[in-house]
Amino acid sequence: VFAALFLSLLGVEAIDTTRPDLAIRQMQLGAIGIVAAFAVAFIPQRRLRQASWWLYTGGLLLLLFLLIPFVPDFIVHPRNGARRWINVGVTDFQPSELLKIAFVLALASHLRYKEQYRRFRGLVVALCVALPPMFFIFVEPDLGTSMLFIPALIAMLITAGAKYKHLLSIALLALVAASSMYPLLRPHQKDRIDALIAQV
């Protein structure tokens, strides 16, 4: 909690150096986030598990909604060619942020049984949970956010107790899938990856 608070304050300080008005708004949103975090902490685990797949499915539908071309511009307003935000009046809502949480909850719900993480078939299902949000977020396009799901998947599988040979197979499948997506990337996205490889 203290680490999260410190990082938030650090972010506010960084914003304040150039946009004091945005720093105040960031602090207000941070306060709302803290209250929401404490409220969620008191929700029983069983309720979270029951809601996990509904949140996951709802998040996917919102991501699909973003990609519908005839949605009015005042609801989904593209920014720099990216369709990532839904205007909800008081602020813009980014469905990919909901999917980050819903993905973890849904995957945790799937992995609560031993056969789901000790057998390769259960891990394939886990990979299939990660792929739809990755694809939709990638198409927005938001390459950075879409790439967060595989590391989160691997970390949760390790924590659950998956076999390392199965994890290696999942990692190889993810690598092949990522490589096949390279030709679909935009020029600036390819430049980022090329620069990263060049540094290695």
Protein backbone atom coordinates (compact mmCIF):
# COMPACT_ATOMS: atom_id res chain seq x y z
CA VAL A 1 0.00 0.00 0.00
CA PHE A 2 2.78 2.42 0.93
CA ALA A 3 4.67 1.58 -2.26
CA ALA A 4 1.56 2.32 -4.34
CA LEU A 5 0.96 5.60 -2.49
CA PHE A 6 4.59 6.64 -2.94
CA LEU A 7 4.50 5.90 -6.68
CA SER A 8 1.23 7.82 -7.02
CA LEU A 9 2.67 10.85 -5.23
CA LEU A 10 5.79 10.61 -7.37
CA GLY A 11 3.61 10.65 -10.47
CA VAL A 12 1.68 13.68 -9.23
CA GLU A 13 4.94 15.50 -8.56
CA ALA A 14 6.18 14.72 -12.06
CA ILE A 15 2.93 15.98 -13.62
CA ASP A 16 3.02 19.11 -11.43
CA THR A 17 6.30 20.23 -13.00
CA THR A 18 4.54 20.92 -16.31
CA ARG A 19 0.76 20.84 -15.70
CA PRO A 20 -0.28 21.84 -12.16
CA ASP A 21 -3.97 21.69 -13.16
CA LEU A 22 -3.59 18.06 -14.20
CA ALA A 23 -1.71 17.29 -10.98
CA ILE A 24 -4.72 18.40 -8.91
CA ARG A 25 -7.03 16.25 -11.04
CA GLN A 26 -4.63 13.32 -10.64
CA MET A 27 -4.74 13.71 -6.85
CA GLN A 28 -8.53 13.75 -6.91
CA LEU A 29 -8.66 10.60 -9.01
CA GLY A 30 -6.03 9.03 -6.75
CA ALA A 31 -8.20 9.67 -3.71
CA ILE A 32 -11.16 8.05 -5.47
CA GLY A 33 -8.91 5.10 -6.34
CA ILE A 34 -7.83 4.65 -2.71
CA VAL A 35 -11.44 4.62 -1.51
CA ALA A 36 -12.35 2.14 -4.25
CA ALA A 37 -9.39 -0.09 -3.34
CA PHE A 38 -10.43 -0.26 0.31
CA ALA A 39 -14.04 -0.98 -0.73
CA VAL A 40 -12.95 -3.85 -2.99
CA ALA A 41 -10.74 -5.27 -0.21
CA PHE A 42 -13.86 -5.95 1.87
CA ILE A 43 -15.66 -7.89 -0.87
CA PRO A 44 -15.72 -11.62 0.02
CA GLN A 45 -13.47 -13.79 -2.12
CA ARG A 46 -16.41 -15.94 -3.19
CA ARG A 47 -18.19 -12.90 -4.59
CA LEU A 48 -15.11 -11.86 -6.56
CA ARG A 49 -14.83 -15.36 -7.98
CA GLN A 50 -18.49 -15.33 -9.00
CA ALA A 51 -18.10 -11.94 -10.69
CA SER A 52 -14.76 -12.69 -12.36
CA TRP A 53 -16.05 -14.24 -15.59
CA TRP A 54 -18.82 -11.65 -15.89
CA LEU A 55 -16.25 -8.86 -15.61
CA TYR A 56 -13.99 -10.62 -18.09
CA THR A 57 -16.80 -11.10 -20.63
CA GLY A 58 -18.07 -7.56 -20.11
CA GLY A 59 -14.56 -6.19 -20.61
CA LEU A 60 -14.17 -8.11 -23.88
CA LEU A 61 -17.50 -6.74 -25.13
CA LEU A 62 -16.36 -3.20 -24.31
CA LEU A 63 -13.11 -3.78 -26.22
CA LEU A 64 -15.15 -5.02 -29.17
CA PHE A 65 -17.38 -1.95 -28.86
CA LEU A 66 -14.32 0.28 -29.25
CA LEU A 67 -13.54 -1.29 -32.61
CA ILE A 68 -17.01 -0.78 -34.13
CA PRO A 69 -16.40 1.86 -36.85
CA PHE A 70 -19.85 3.50 -36.84
CA VAL A 71 -19.93 4.32 -33.09
CA PRO A 72 -20.46 8.11 -32.75
CA ASP A 73 -17.28 10.13 -32.35
CA PHE A 74 -18.45 11.74 -29.09
CA ILE A 75 -18.62 8.28 -27.48
CA VAL A 76 -15.42 6.76 -28.88
CA HIS A 77 -13.07 9.53 -29.95
CA PRO A 78 -9.88 8.28 -31.65
CA ARG A 79 -6.65 9.84 -30.42
CA ASN A 80 -3.61 9.65 -32.66
CA GLY A 81 -5.37 6.91 -34.58
CA ALA A 82 -6.02 4.77 -31.48
CA ARG A 83 -9.51 3.79 -30.28
CA ARG A 84 -8.95 3.07 -26.58
CA TRP A 85 -11.36 5.25 -24.62
CA ILE A 86 -15.12 5.45 -24.07
CA ASN A 87 -16.58 8.81 -23.05
CA VAL A 88 -18.78 8.30 -19.98
CA GLY A 89 -19.52 11.99 -19.43
CA VAL A 90 -17.40 12.93 -16.42
CA THR A 91 -14.30 11.21 -17.75
CA ASP A 92 -12.97 8.80 -20.36
CA PHE A 93 -13.01 5.10 -19.51
CA GLN A 94 -10.36 2.74 -20.86
CA PRO A 95 -11.74 -0.85 -21.03
CA SER A 96 -8.25 -2.36 -21.18
CA GLU A 97 -7.73 -1.23 -17.57
CA LEU A 98 -10.80 -3.21 -16.53
CA LEU A 99 -9.50 -6.23 -18.45
CA LYS A 100 -6.22 -6.19 -16.53
CA ILE A 101 -8.14 -6.81 -13.31
CA ALA A 102 -10.81 -9.07 -14.79
CA PHE A 103 -8.16 -11.24 -16.46
CA VAL A 104 -6.35 -11.85 -13.18
CA LEU A 105 -9.62 -12.66 -11.37
CA ALA A 106 -10.88 -14.98 -14.12
CA LEU A 107 -7.54 -16.77 -14.41
CA ALA A 108 -7.32 -17.18 -10.62
CA SER A 109 -10.82 -18.66 -10.68
CA HIS A 110 -9.72 -21.13 -13.36
CA LEU A 111 -6.51 -22.08 -11.54
CA ARG A 112 -8.09 -22.77 -8.16
CA TYR A 113 -8.26 -26.49 -9.00
CA LYS A 114 -5.04 -28.49 -9.20
CA GLU A 115 -5.91 -30.22 -12.46
CA GLN A 116 -6.12 -26.82 -14.14
CA TYR A 117 -2.44 -26.03 -13.62
CA ARG A 118 -0.79 -29.46 -13.29
CA ARG A 119 -2.06 -30.68 -16.66
CA PHE A 120 -1.10 -29.19 -20.01
CA ARG A 121 -4.74 -29.04 -21.16
CA GLY A 122 -5.60 -26.76 -18.26
CA LEU A 123 -2.71 -24.46 -19.20
CA VAL A 124 -3.93 -24.25 -22.80
CA VAL A 125 -7.28 -23.03 -21.44
CA ALA A 126 -5.39 -20.46 -19.38
CA LEU A 127 -3.56 -19.29 -22.51
CA CYS A 128 -6.90 -19.00 -24.32
CA VAL A 129 -8.10 -16.70 -21.52
CA ALA A 130 -5.16 -14.39 -22.22
CA LEU A 131 -5.35 -14.31 -26.03
CA PRO A 132 -8.72 -12.53 -26.67
CA PRO A 133 -7.95 -9.38 -24.64
CA MET A 134 -4.43 -9.33 -26.09
CA PHE A 135 -5.81 -9.41 -29.63
CA PHE A 136 -8.48 -6.74 -29.14
CA ILE A 137 -6.09 -4.40 -27.30
CA PHE A 138 -3.44 -4.97 -29.97
CA VAL A 139 -5.92 -3.94 -32.68
CA GLU A 140 -6.80 -0.63 -30.90
CA PRO A 141 -3.72 -0.34 -31.24
CA ASP A 142 -2.03 -0.55 -27.84
CA LEU A 143 0.96 -2.86 -28.16
CA GLY A 144 2.38 -2.07 -24.70
CA THR A 145 -0.77 -3.03 -22.79
CA SER A 146 -1.41 -6.13 -24.90
CA MET A 147 2.08 -7.42 -24.07
CA LEU A 148 1.37 -7.32 -20.32
CA PHE A 149 -0.94 -10.34 -20.36
CA ILE A 150 1.61 -13.08 -21.12
CA PRO A 151 4.02 -12.11 -18.27
CA ALA A 152 1.02 -11.93 -15.92
CA LEU A 153 -0.12 -15.35 -17.15
CA ILE A 154 3.32 -16.90 -16.61
CA ALA A 155 3.65 -15.34 -13.14
CA MET A 156 0.25 -16.68 -12.06
CA LEU A 157 1.01 -20.16 -13.42
CA ILE A 158 4.31 -20.26 -11.54
CA THR A 159 2.59 -19.10 -8.35
CA ALA A 160 -0.14 -21.71 -8.79
CA GLY A 161 2.46 -24.49 -9.09
CA ALA A 162 2.43 -25.37 -12.79
CA LYS A 163 5.07 -27.78 -14.12
CA TYR A 164 8.05 -26.00 -15.63
CA LYS A 165 8.02 -28.16 -18.78
CA HIS A 166 4.44 -27.04 -19.38
CA LEU A 167 5.40 -23.43 -18.72
CA LEU A 168 8.18 -23.73 -21.29
CA SER A 169 5.67 -25.02 -23.83
CA ILE A 170 3.32 -22.12 -23.10
CA ALA A 171 6.20 -19.65 -23.43
CA LEU A 172 7.19 -21.15 -26.79
CA LEU A 173 3.59 -20.96 -28.02
CA ALA A 174 3.41 -17.33 -26.93
CA LEU A 175 6.70 -16.59 -28.69
CA VAL A 176 5.48 -18.14 -31.92
CA ALA A 177 2.20 -16.22 -31.67
CA ALA A 178 4.05 -12.96 -31.00
CA SER A 179 6.39 -13.53 -33.95
CA SER A 180 3.46 -14.17 -36.28
CA MET A 181 1.98 -10.80 -35.29
CA TYR A 182 5.13 -8.84 -36.25
CA PRO A 183 4.11 -8.27 -39.91
CA LEU A 184 0.83 -6.74 -38.67
CA LEU A 185 2.56 -4.11 -36.55
CA ARG A 186 2.63 -0.46 -37.50
CA PRO A 187 5.98 1.10 -38.47
CA HIS A 188 6.50 2.89 -35.12
CA GLN A 189 5.74 -0.35 -33.25
CA LYS A 190 8.24 -2.27 -35.35
CA ASP A 191 10.81 0.46 -34.66
CA ARG A 192 10.38 -0.02 -30.90
CA ILE A 193 10.91 -3.77 -31.12
CA ASP A 194 13.86 -3.40 -33.51
CA ALA A 195 15.47 -0.87 -31.17
CA LEU A 196 15.00 -3.20 -28.19
CA ILE A 197 16.57 -6.13 -30.07
CA ALA A 198 19.44 -3.92 -31.23
CA GLN A 199 20.24 -3.00 -27.61
CA VAL A 200 20.40 -6.66 -26.64
